[in-house]
């Protein structure tokens, strides 16, 4: 029996993070900055944060290329996505630490 191991899925996930999007700092206490390049049309762009159970804890449509968001989340690990026209253009883990 021959078993073929592929990293196809891992590389597909790595390609999601667009270098024209900055999400910082990480880890955060309560303030999150999102910076999207001027070349990206932000119409229908939103930030979506879920906990590790997949439950939505925050979602917001972005109206500016530079946005500061104040979050009131419990300490832990979350998943953050930036979605533009129903397509994920940024995906990463977000660590929230105690103030």
PDB file of N, CA and C in Angstrom:
ATOM      1  N   UNK A   1       0.840  -1.175   0.000  1.00  0.00           N
ATOM      2  CA  UNK A   1       0.000   0.000   0.000  1.00  0.00           C
ATOM      3  C   UNK A   1       0.888   1.244   0.000  1.00  0.00           C
ATOM      4  N   UNK A   2       0.593   2.171  -0.868  1.00  0.00           N
ATOM      5  CA  UNK A   2       1.357   3.400  -0.987  1.00  0.00           C
ATOM      6  C   UNK A   2       0.511   4.557  -0.477  1.00  0.00           C
ATOM      7  N   UNK A   3       1.070   5.341   0.414  1.00  0.00           N
ATOM      8  CA  UNK A   3       0.369   6.483   0.984  1.00  0.00           C
ATOM      9  C   UNK A   3       1.037   7.751   0.487  1.00  0.00           C
ATOM     10  N   UNK A   4       0.263   8.603  -0.138  1.00  0.00           N
ATOM     11  CA  UNK A   4       0.789   9.860  -0.654  1.00  0.00           C
ATOM     12  C   UNK A   4       0.395  10.988   0.292  1.00  0.00           C
ATOM     13  N   UNK A   5       1.371  11.728   0.752  1.00  0.00           N
ATOM     14  CA  UNK A   5       1.120  12.852   1.649  1.00  0.00           C
ATOM     15  C   UNK A   5       1.304  14.132   0.847  1.00  0.00           C
ATOM     16  N   UNK A   6       0.313  15.006   0.976  1.00  0.00           N
ATOM     17  CA  UNK A   6       0.346  16.247   0.214  1.00  0.00           C
ATOM     18  C   UNK A   6       0.166  17.424   1.151  1.00  0.00           C
ATOM     19  N   UNK A   7       0.825  18.526   0.868  1.00  0.00           N
ATOM     20  CA  UNK A   7       0.628  19.747   1.642  1.00  0.00           C
ATOM     21  C   UNK A   7      -0.231  20.743   0.867  1.00  0.00           C
ATOM     22  N   UNK A   8      -1.039  20.257  -0.036  1.00  0.00           N
ATOM     23  CA  UNK A   8      -1.879  21.097  -0.886  1.00  0.00           C
ATOM     24  C   UNK A   8      -2.763  22.030  -0.067  1.00  0.00           C
ATOM     25  N   UNK A   9      -3.374  21.506   0.988  1.00  0.00           N
ATOM     26  CA  UNK A   9      -4.287  22.330   1.783  1.00  0.00           C
ATOM     27  C   UNK A   9      -3.538  23.362   2.609  1.00  0.00           C
ATOM     28  N   UNK A  10      -2.392  23.001   3.123  1.00  0.00           N
ATOM     29  CA  UNK A  10      -1.616  23.946   3.926  1.00  0.00           C
ATOM     30  C   UNK A  10      -1.189  25.139   3.090  1.00  0.00           C
ATOM     31  N   UNK A  11      -0.749  24.894   1.869  1.00  0.00           N
ATOM     32  CA  UNK A  11      -0.332  26.012   1.031  1.00  0.00           C
ATOM     33  C   UNK A  11      -1.516  26.856   0.595  1.00  0.00           C
ATOM     34  N   UNK A  12      -2.665  26.246   0.440  1.00  0.00           N
ATOM     35  CA  UNK A  12      -3.859  27.013   0.067  1.00  0.00           C
ATOM     36  C   UNK A  12      -4.237  27.973   1.182  1.00  0.00           C
ATOM     37  N   UNK A  13      -4.102  27.552   2.423  1.00  0.00           N
ATOM     38  CA  UNK A  13      -4.409  28.428   3.557  1.00  0.00           C
ATOM     39  C   UNK A  13      -3.393  29.555   3.627  1.00  0.00           C
ATOM     40  N   UNK A  14      -2.137  29.259   3.404  1.00  0.00           N
ATOM     41  CA  UNK A  14      -1.104  30.286   3.477  1.00  0.00           C
ATOM     42  C   UNK A  14      -1.310  31.363   2.419  1.00  0.00           C
ATOM     43  N   UNK A  15      -1.875  31.003   1.280  1.00  0.00           N
ATOM     44  CA  UNK A  15      -2.087  31.970   0.210  1.00  0.00           C
ATOM     45  C   UNK A  15      -3.223  32.947   0.497  1.00  0.00           C
ATOM     46  N   UNK A  16      -4.048  32.660   1.503  1.00  0.00           N
ATOM     47  CA  UNK A  16      -5.173  33.551   1.799  1.00  0.00           C
ATOM     48  C   UNK A  16      -4.683  34.892   2.327  1.00  0.00           C
ATOM     49  N   UNK A  17      -3.674  34.884   3.182  1.00  0.00           N
ATOM     50  CA  UNK A  17      -3.222  36.122   3.797  1.00  0.00           C
ATOM     51  C   UNK A  17      -2.562  37.021   2.769  1.00  0.00           C
ATOM     52  N   UNK A  18      -3.208  38.119   2.534  1.00  0.00           N
ATOM     53  CA  UNK A  18      -2.827  39.072   1.521  1.00  0.00           C
ATOM     54  C   UNK A  18      -1.846  40.071   2.133  1.00  0.00           C
ATOM     55  N   UNK A  19      -0.740  40.309   1.485  1.00  0.00           N
ATOM     56  CA  UNK A  19       0.259  41.227   2.028  1.00  0.00           C
ATOM     57  C   UNK A  19      -0.221  42.676   2.023  1.00  0.00           C
ATOM     58  N   UNK A  20      -1.311  42.972   1.343  1.00  0.00           N
ATOM     59  CA  UNK A  20      -1.830  44.339   1.312  1.00  0.00           C
ATOM     60  C   UNK A  20      -2.792  44.609   2.465  1.00  0.00           C
ATOM     61  N   UNK A  21      -2.889  43.665   3.422  1.00  0.00           N
ATOM     62  CA  UNK A  21      -3.754  43.828   4.581  1.00  0.00           C
ATOM     63  C   UNK A  21      -2.909  43.671   5.838  1.00  0.00           C
ATOM     64  N   UNK A  22      -3.043  44.624   6.735  1.00  0.00           N
ATOM     65  CA  UNK A  22      -2.346  44.544   8.011  1.00  0.00           C
ATOM     66  C   UNK A  22      -3.351  44.471   9.142  1.00  0.00           C
ATOM     67  N   UNK A  23      -3.201  43.493  10.007  1.00  0.00           N
ATOM     68  CA  UNK A  23      -4.034  43.356  11.197  1.00  0.00           C
ATOM     69  C   UNK A  23      -3.072  43.315  12.377  1.00  0.00           C
ATOM     70  N   UNK A  24      -3.155  44.318  13.240  1.00  0.00           N
ATOM     71  CA  UNK A  24      -2.176  44.438  14.318  1.00  0.00           C
ATOM     72  C   UNK A  24      -2.763  45.204  15.489  1.00  0.00           C
ATOM     73  N   UNK A  25      -2.235  45.111  16.675  1.00  0.00           N
ATOM     74  CA  UNK A  25      -1.207  44.167  17.081  1.00  0.00           C
ATOM     75  C   UNK A  25      -1.799  42.775  17.277  1.00  0.00           C
ATOM     76  N   UNK A  26      -0.977  41.812  17.418  1.00  0.00           N
ATOM     77  CA  UNK A  26      -1.418  40.456  17.735  1.00  0.00           C
ATOM     78  C   UNK A  26      -0.304  39.820  18.556  1.00  0.00           C
ATOM     79  N   UNK A  27      -0.498  39.645  19.853  1.00  0.00           N
ATOM     80  CA  UNK A  27      -1.764  39.631  20.599  1.00  0.00           C
ATOM     81  C   UNK A  27      -2.285  41.045  20.886  1.00  0.00           C
ATOM     82  N   UNK A  28      -3.581  41.080  21.225  1.00  0.00           N
ATOM     83  CA  UNK A  28      -4.232  42.356  21.554  1.00  0.00           C
ATOM     84  C   UNK A  28      -4.775  42.304  22.975  1.00  0.00           C
ATOM     85  N   UNK A  29      -5.015  43.506  23.524  1.00  0.00           N
ATOM     86  CA  UNK A  29      -5.726  43.614  24.791  1.00  0.00           C
ATOM     87  C   UNK A  29      -7.179  43.989  24.510  1.00  0.00           C
ATOM     88  N   UNK A  30      -7.384  45.072  23.788  1.00  0.00           N
ATOM     89  CA  UNK A  30      -8.745  45.468  23.434  1.00  0.00           C
ATOM     90  C   UNK A  30      -8.839  46.229  22.111  1.00  0.00           C
ATOM     91  N   UNK A  31      -7.732  46.779  21.636  1.00  0.00           N
ATOM     92  CA  UNK A  31      -7.749  47.599  20.422  1.00  0.00           C
ATOM     93  C   UNK A  31      -7.079  46.848  19.272  1.00  0.00           C
ATOM     94  N   UNK A  32      -7.805  46.758  18.145  1.00  0.00           N
ATOM     95  CA  UNK A  32      -7.313  46.076  16.956  1.00  0.00           C
ATOM     96  C   UNK A  32      -7.296  47.059  15.796  1.00  0.00           C
ATOM     97  N   UNK A  33      -6.194  47.099  15.073  1.00  0.00           N
ATOM     98  CA  UNK A  33      -6.072  47.971  13.904  1.00  0.00           C
ATOM     99  C   UNK A  33      -6.090  47.118  12.643  1.00  0.00           C
ATOM    100  N   UNK A  34      -6.846  47.580  11.664  1.00  0.00           N
ATOM    101  CA  UNK A  34      -6.890  46.903  10.369  1.00  0.00           C
ATOM    102  C   UNK A  34      -6.552  47.939   9.309  1.00  0.00           C
ATOM    103  N   UNK A  35      -5.555  47.628   8.505  1.00  0.00           N
ATOM    104  CA  UNK A  35      -5.122  48.542   7.443  1.00  0.00           C
ATOM    105  C   UNK A  35      -5.158  47.776   6.128  1.00  0.00           C
ATOM    106  N   UNK A  36      -5.925  48.305   5.189  1.00  0.00           N
ATOM    107  CA  UNK A  36      -6.071  47.684   3.865  1.00  0.00           C
ATOM    108  C   UNK A  36      -5.524  48.656   2.833  1.00  0.00           C
ATOM    109  N   UNK A  37      -4.762  48.141   1.881  1.00  0.00           N
ATOM    110  CA  UNK A  37      -4.154  49.008   0.872  1.00  0.00           C
ATOM    111  C   UNK A  37      -5.217  49.777   0.093  1.00  0.00           C
ATOM    112  N   UNK A  38      -4.800  50.920  -0.397  1.00  0.00           N
ATOM    113  CA  UNK A  38      -5.714  51.790  -1.167  1.00  0.00           C
ATOM    114  C   UNK A  38      -6.185  51.122  -2.458  1.00  0.00           C
ATOM    115  N   UNK A  39      -5.432  50.137  -2.960  1.00  0.00           N
ATOM    116  CA  UNK A  39      -5.813  49.443  -4.186  1.00  0.00           C
ATOM    117  C   UNK A  39      -7.021  48.525  -3.983  1.00  0.00           C
ATOM    118  N   UNK A  40      -7.264  48.117  -2.741  1.00  0.00           N
ATOM    119  CA  UNK A  40      -8.382  47.224  -2.452  1.00  0.00           C
ATOM    120  C   UNK A  40      -9.658  48.033  -2.294  1.00  0.00           C
ATOM    121  N   UNK A  41     -10.653  47.698  -3.053  1.00  0.00           N
ATOM    122  CA  UNK A  41     -11.952  48.364  -2.930  1.00  0.00           C
ATOM    123  C   UNK A  41     -12.633  47.799  -1.696  1.00  0.00           C
ATOM    124  N   UNK A  42     -12.965  48.670  -0.730  1.00  0.00           N
ATOM    125  CA  UNK A  42     -13.487  48.167   0.531  1.00  0.00           C
ATOM    126  C   UNK A  42     -15.005  48.058   0.561  1.00  0.00           C
ATOM    127  N   UNK A  43     -15.650  48.341  -0.562  1.00  0.00           N
ATOM    128  CA  UNK A  43     -17.092  48.146  -0.625  1.00  0.00           C
ATOM    129  C   UNK A  43     -17.404  46.674  -0.354  1.00  0.00           C
ATOM    130  N   UNK A  44     -18.288  46.401   0.575  1.00  0.00           N
ATOM    131  CA  UNK A  44     -18.672  45.033   0.951  1.00  0.00           C
ATOM    132  C   UNK A  44     -17.524  44.264   1.604  1.00  0.00           C
ATOM    133  N   UNK A  45     -16.667  44.972   2.336  1.00  0.00           N
ATOM    134  CA  UNK A  45     -15.583  44.327   3.070  1.00  0.00           C
ATOM    135  C   UNK A  45     -15.946  44.334   4.542  1.00  0.00           C
ATOM    136  N   UNK A  46     -15.770  43.177   5.183  1.00  0.00           N
ATOM    137  CA  UNK A  46     -16.099  43.105   6.607  1.00  0.00           C
ATOM    138  C   UNK A  46     -15.051  42.295   7.347  1.00  0.00           C
ATOM    139  N   UNK A  47     -14.971  42.575   8.641  1.00  0.00           N
ATOM    140  CA  UNK A  47     -14.118  41.791   9.523  1.00  0.00           C
ATOM    141  C   UNK A  47     -15.043  40.871  10.313  1.00  0.00           C
ATOM    142  N   UNK A  48     -14.616  39.628  10.466  1.00  0.00           N
ATOM    143  CA  UNK A  48     -15.441  38.601  11.109  1.00  0.00           C
ATOM    144  C   UNK A  48     -14.550  37.839  12.089  1.00  0.00           C
ATOM    145  N   UNK A  49     -14.948  37.810  13.369  1.00  0.00           N
ATOM    146  CA  UNK A  49     -14.159  37.127  14.391  1.00  0.00           C
ATOM    147  C   UNK A  49     -15.023  36.046  15.034  1.00  0.00           C
ATOM    148  N   UNK A  50     -14.454  34.847  15.131  1.00  0.00           N
ATOM    149  CA  UNK A  50     -15.157  33.731  15.773  1.00  0.00           C
ATOM    150  C   UNK A  50     -14.288  33.171  16.899  1.00  0.00           C
ATOM    151  N   UNK A  51     -14.972  32.550  17.865  1.00  0.00           N
ATOM    152  CA  UNK A  51     -14.216  31.865  18.914  1.00  0.00           C
ATOM    153  C   UNK A  51     -13.817  30.488  18.402  1.00  0.00           C
ATOM    154  N   UNK A  52     -13.159  29.706  19.235  1.00  0.00           N
ATOM    155  CA  UNK A  52     -12.666  28.399  18.792  1.00  0.00           C
ATOM    156  C   UNK A  52     -13.786  27.372  18.625  1.00  0.00           C
ATOM    157  N   UNK A  53     -15.001  27.721  19.044  1.00  0.00           N
ATOM    158  CA  UNK A  53     -16.155  26.853  18.815  1.00  0.00           C
ATOM    159  C   UNK A  53     -16.850  27.189  17.499  1.00  0.00           C
ATOM    160  N   UNK A  54     -16.343  28.221  16.814  1.00  0.00           N
ATOM    161  CA  UNK A  54     -16.935  28.633  15.544  1.00  0.00           C
ATOM    162  C   UNK A  54     -18.081  29.612  15.702  1.00  0.00           C
ATOM    163  N   UNK A  55     -18.295  30.098  16.917  1.00  0.00           N
ATOM    164  CA  UNK A  55     -19.380  31.056  17.167  1.00  0.00           C
ATOM    165  C   UNK A  55     -18.908  32.470  16.846  1.00  0.00           C
ATOM    166  N   UNK A  56     -19.726  33.221  16.144  1.00  0.00           N
ATOM    167  CA  UNK A  56     -19.396  34.599  15.805  1.00  0.00           C
ATOM    168  C   UNK A  56     -19.430  35.453  17.062  1.00  0.00           C
ATOM    169  N   UNK A  57     -18.319  36.152  17.341  1.00  0.00           N
ATOM    170  CA  UNK A  57     -18.262  37.040  18.496  1.00  0.00           C
ATOM    171  C   UNK A  57     -18.190  38.507  18.074  1.00  0.00           C
ATOM    172  N   UNK A  58     -17.867  38.749  16.801  1.00  0.00           N
ATOM    173  CA  UNK A  58     -17.795  40.121  16.309  1.00  0.00           C
ATOM    174  C   UNK A  58     -17.838  40.107  14.792  1.00  0.00           C
ATOM    175  N   UNK A  59     -18.604  41.042  14.237  1.00  0.00           N
ATOM    176  CA  UNK A  59     -18.601  41.252  12.787  1.00  0.00           C
ATOM    177  C   UNK A  59     -18.908  42.720  12.519  1.00  0.00           C
ATOM    178  N   UNK A  60     -18.228  43.283  11.536  1.00  0.00           N
ATOM    179  CA  UNK A  60     -18.427  44.695  11.215  1.00  0.00           C
ATOM    180  C   UNK A  60     -18.006  44.954   9.780  1.00  0.00           C
ATOM    181  N   UNK A  61     -18.819  45.731   9.075  1.00  0.00           N
ATOM    182  CA  UNK A  61     -18.439  46.171   7.731  1.00  0.00           C
ATOM    183  C   UNK A  61     -17.452  47.320   7.862  1.00  0.00           C
ATOM    184  N   UNK A  62     -16.416  47.290   7.040  1.00  0.00           N
ATOM    185  CA  UNK A  62     -15.404  48.338   7.065  1.00  0.00           C
ATOM    186  C   UNK A  62     -15.783  49.436   6.079  1.00  0.00           C
ATOM    187  N   UNK A  63     -15.549  50.677   6.494  1.00  0.00           N
ATOM    188  CA  UNK A  63     -15.875  51.806   5.625  1.00  0.00           C
ATOM    189  C   UNK A  63     -14.651  52.643   5.271  1.00  0.00           C
ATOM    190  N   UNK A  64     -13.518  52.319   5.891  1.00  0.00           N
ATOM    191  CA  UNK A  64     -12.280  53.058   5.649  1.00  0.00           C
ATOM    192  C   UNK A  64     -11.141  52.071   5.424  1.00  0.00           C
ATOM    193  N   UNK A  65     -10.093  52.542   4.797  1.00  0.00           N
ATOM    194  CA  UNK A  65      -8.924  51.693   4.567  1.00  0.00           C
ATOM    195  C   UNK A  65      -8.127  51.467   5.853  1.00  0.00           C
ATOM    196  N   UNK A  66      -8.275  52.375   6.810  1.00  0.00           N
ATOM    197  CA  UNK A  66      -7.641  52.207   8.111  1.00  0.00           C
ATOM    198  C   UNK A  66      -8.721  52.280   9.174  1.00  0.00           C
ATOM    199  N   UNK A  67      -8.869  51.206   9.934  1.00  0.00           N
ATOM    200  CA  UNK A  67      -9.940  51.103  10.918  1.00  0.00           C
ATOM    201  C   UNK A  67      -9.366  50.655  12.254  1.00  0.00           C
ATOM    202  N   UNK A  68      -9.838  51.276  13.319  1.00  0.00           N
ATOM    203  CA  UNK A  68      -9.471  50.870  14.669  1.00  0.00           C
ATOM    204  C   UNK A  68     -10.736  50.349  15.348  1.00  0.00           C
ATOM    205  N   UNK A  69     -10.652  49.138  15.884  1.00  0.00           N
ATOM    206  CA  UNK A  69     -11.807  48.491  16.499  1.00  0.00           C
ATOM    207  C   UNK A  69     -11.484  48.208  17.958  1.00  0.00           C
ATOM    208  N   UNK A  70     -12.401  48.575  18.844  1.00  0.00           N
ATOM    209  CA  UNK A  70     -12.254  48.260  20.254  1.00  0.00           C
ATOM    210  C   UNK A  70     -13.095  47.032  20.547  1.00  0.00           C
ATOM    211  N   UNK A  71     -12.435  45.990  21.037  1.00  0.00           N
ATOM    212  CA  UNK A  71     -13.098  44.720  21.292  1.00  0.00           C
ATOM    213  C   UNK A  71     -13.162  44.453  22.790  1.00  0.00           C
ATOM    214  N   UNK A  72     -14.246  43.849  23.198  1.00  0.00           N
ATOM    215  CA  UNK A  72     -14.408  43.438  24.585  1.00  0.00           C
ATOM    216  C   UNK A  72     -14.550  41.924  24.594  1.00  0.00           C
ATOM    217  N   UNK A  73     -13.426  41.241  24.406  1.00  0.00           N
ATOM    218  CA  UNK A  73     -13.427  39.786  24.318  1.00  0.00           C
ATOM    219  C   UNK A  73     -12.694  39.187  25.509  1.00  0.00           C
ATOM    220  N   UNK A  74     -13.119  38.005  25.907  1.00  0.00           N
ATOM    221  CA  UNK A  74     -12.423  37.293  26.966  1.00  0.00           C
ATOM    222  C   UNK A  74     -11.058  36.840  26.458  1.00  0.00           C
ATOM    223  N   UNK A  75     -10.141  36.662  27.391  1.00  0.00           N
ATOM    224  CA  UNK A  75      -8.811  36.177  27.053  1.00  0.00           C
ATOM    225  C   UNK A  75      -8.933  34.836  26.339  1.00  0.00           C
ATOM    226  N   UNK A  76      -8.194  34.662  25.249  1.00  0.00           N
ATOM    227  CA  UNK A  76      -8.230  33.401  24.528  1.00  0.00           C
ATOM    228  C   UNK A  76      -7.788  33.540  23.089  1.00  0.00           C
ATOM    229  N   UNK A  77      -8.014  32.477  22.336  1.00  0.00           N
ATOM    230  CA  UNK A  77      -7.638  32.436  20.920  1.00  0.00           C
ATOM    231  C   UNK A  77      -8.899  32.511  20.070  1.00  0.00           C
ATOM    232  N   UNK A  78      -8.855  33.343  19.058  1.00  0.00           N
ATOM    233  CA  UNK A  78      -9.976  33.558  18.149  1.00  0.00           C
ATOM    234  C   UNK A  78      -9.477  33.431  16.712  1.00  0.00           C
ATOM    235  N   UNK A  79     -10.406  33.364  15.796  1.00  0.00           N
ATOM    236  CA  UNK A  79     -10.080  33.346  14.371  1.00  0.00           C
ATOM    237  C   UNK A  79     -10.622  34.635  13.768  1.00  0.00           C
ATOM    238  N   UNK A  80      -9.755  35.354  13.063  1.00  0.00           N
ATOM    239  CA  UNK A  80     -10.168  36.596  12.415  1.00  0.00           C
ATOM    240  C   UNK A  80     -10.096  36.416  10.902  1.00  0.00           C
ATOM    241  N   UNK A  81     -11.128  36.910  10.237  1.00  0.00           N
ATOM    242  CA  UNK A  81     -11.158  36.894   8.777  1.00  0.00           C
ATOM    243  C   UNK A  81     -11.541  38.283   8.276  1.00  0.00           C
ATOM    244  N   UNK A  82     -10.934  38.681   7.183  1.00  0.00           N
ATOM    245  CA  UNK A  82     -11.380  39.859   6.446  1.00  0.00           C
ATOM    246  C   UNK A  82     -11.968  39.324   5.153  1.00  0.00           C
ATOM    247  N   UNK A  83     -13.210  39.687   4.900  1.00  0.00           N
ATOM    248  CA  UNK A  83     -13.956  39.140   3.762  1.00  0.00           C
ATOM    249  C   UNK A  83     -14.334  40.277   2.831  1.00  0.00           C
ATOM    250  N   UNK A  84     -14.033  40.120   1.559  1.00  0.00           N
ATOM    251  CA  UNK A  84     -14.346  41.123   0.543  1.00  0.00           C
ATOM    252  C   UNK A  84     -15.167  40.455  -0.551  1.00  0.00           C
ATOM    253  N   UNK A  85     -16.391  40.938  -0.751  1.00  0.00           N
ATOM    254  CA  UNK A  85     -17.288  40.374  -1.763  1.00  0.00           C
ATOM    255  C   UNK A  85     -17.416  38.850  -1.635  1.00  0.00           C
ATOM    256  N   UNK A  86     -17.666  38.396  -0.415  1.00  0.00           N
ATOM    257  CA  UNK A  86     -17.885  36.973  -0.101  1.00  0.00           C
ATOM    258  C   UNK A  86     -16.629  36.110  -0.245  1.00  0.00           C
ATOM    259  N   UNK A  87     -15.461  36.729  -0.412  1.00  0.00           N
ATOM    260  CA  UNK A  87     -14.209  35.978  -0.543  1.00  0.00           C
ATOM    261  C   UNK A  87     -13.290  36.329   0.629  1.00  0.00           C
ATOM    262  N   UNK A  88     -12.770  35.307   1.301  1.00  0.00           N
ATOM    263  CA  UNK A  88     -11.845  35.534   2.407  1.00  0.00           C
ATOM    264  C   UNK A  88     -10.508  36.015   1.838  1.00  0.00           C
ATOM    265  N   UNK A  89     -10.113  37.232   2.238  1.00  0.00           N
ATOM    266  CA  UNK A  89      -8.853  37.782   1.748  1.00  0.00           C
ATOM    267  C   UNK A  89      -7.795  37.831   2.852  1.00  0.00           C
ATOM    268  N   UNK A  90      -8.198  37.549   4.085  1.00  0.00           N
ATOM    269  CA  UNK A  90      -7.259  37.465   5.205  1.00  0.00           C
ATOM    270  C   UNK A  90      -7.830  36.499   6.222  1.00  0.00           C
ATOM    271  N   UNK A  91      -6.977  35.626   6.769  1.00  0.00           N
ATOM    272  CA  UNK A  91      -7.417  34.619   7.739  1.00  0.00           C
ATOM    273  C   UNK A  91      -6.254  34.335   8.673  1.00  0.00           C
ATOM    274  N   UNK A  92      -6.484  34.472   9.988  1.00  0.00           N
ATOM    275  CA  UNK A  92      -5.404  34.221  10.939  1.00  0.00           C
ATOM    276  C   UNK A  92      -5.993  34.003  12.324  1.00  0.00           C
ATOM    277  N   UNK A  93      -5.144  33.531  13.232  1.00  0.00           N
ATOM    278  CA  UNK A  93      -5.539  33.426  14.638  1.00  0.00           C
ATOM    279  C   UNK A  93      -5.287  34.768  15.299  1.00  0.00           C
ATOM    280  N   UNK A  94      -6.123  35.094  16.268  1.00  0.00           N
ATOM    281  CA  UNK A  94      -6.004  36.341  17.021  1.00  0.00           C
ATOM    282  C   UNK A  94      -5.954  35.981  18.495  1.00  0.00           C
ATOM    283  N   UNK A  95      -4.910  36.407  19.168  1.00  0.00           N
ATOM    284  CA  UNK A  95      -4.739  36.112  20.584  1.00  0.00           C
ATOM    285  C   UNK A  95      -5.148  37.333  21.402  1.00  0.00           C
ATOM    286  N   UNK A  96      -6.096  37.133  22.303  1.00  0.00           N
ATOM    287  CA  UNK A  96      -6.543  38.206  23.203  1.00  0.00           C
ATOM    288  C   UNK A  96      -5.957  37.916  24.574  1.00  0.00           C
ATOM    289  N   UNK A  97      -5.234  38.909  25.114  1.00  0.00           N
ATOM    290  CA  UNK A  97      -4.602  38.750  26.420  1.00  0.00           C
ATOM    291  C   UNK A  97      -5.272  39.660  27.435  1.00  0.00           C
ATOM    292  N   UNK A  98      -4.997  39.392  28.687  1.00  0.00           N
ATOM    293  CA  UNK A  98      -5.576  40.161  29.785  1.00  0.00           C
ATOM    294  C   UNK A  98      -4.997  41.563  29.808  1.00  0.00           C
ATOM    295  N   UNK A  99      -5.846  42.550  30.151  1.00  0.00           N
ATOM    296  CA  UNK A  99      -5.410  43.946  30.234  1.00  0.00           C
ATOM    297  C   UNK A  99      -4.550  44.171  31.458  1.00  0.00           C
TER     298      UNK A  99
END
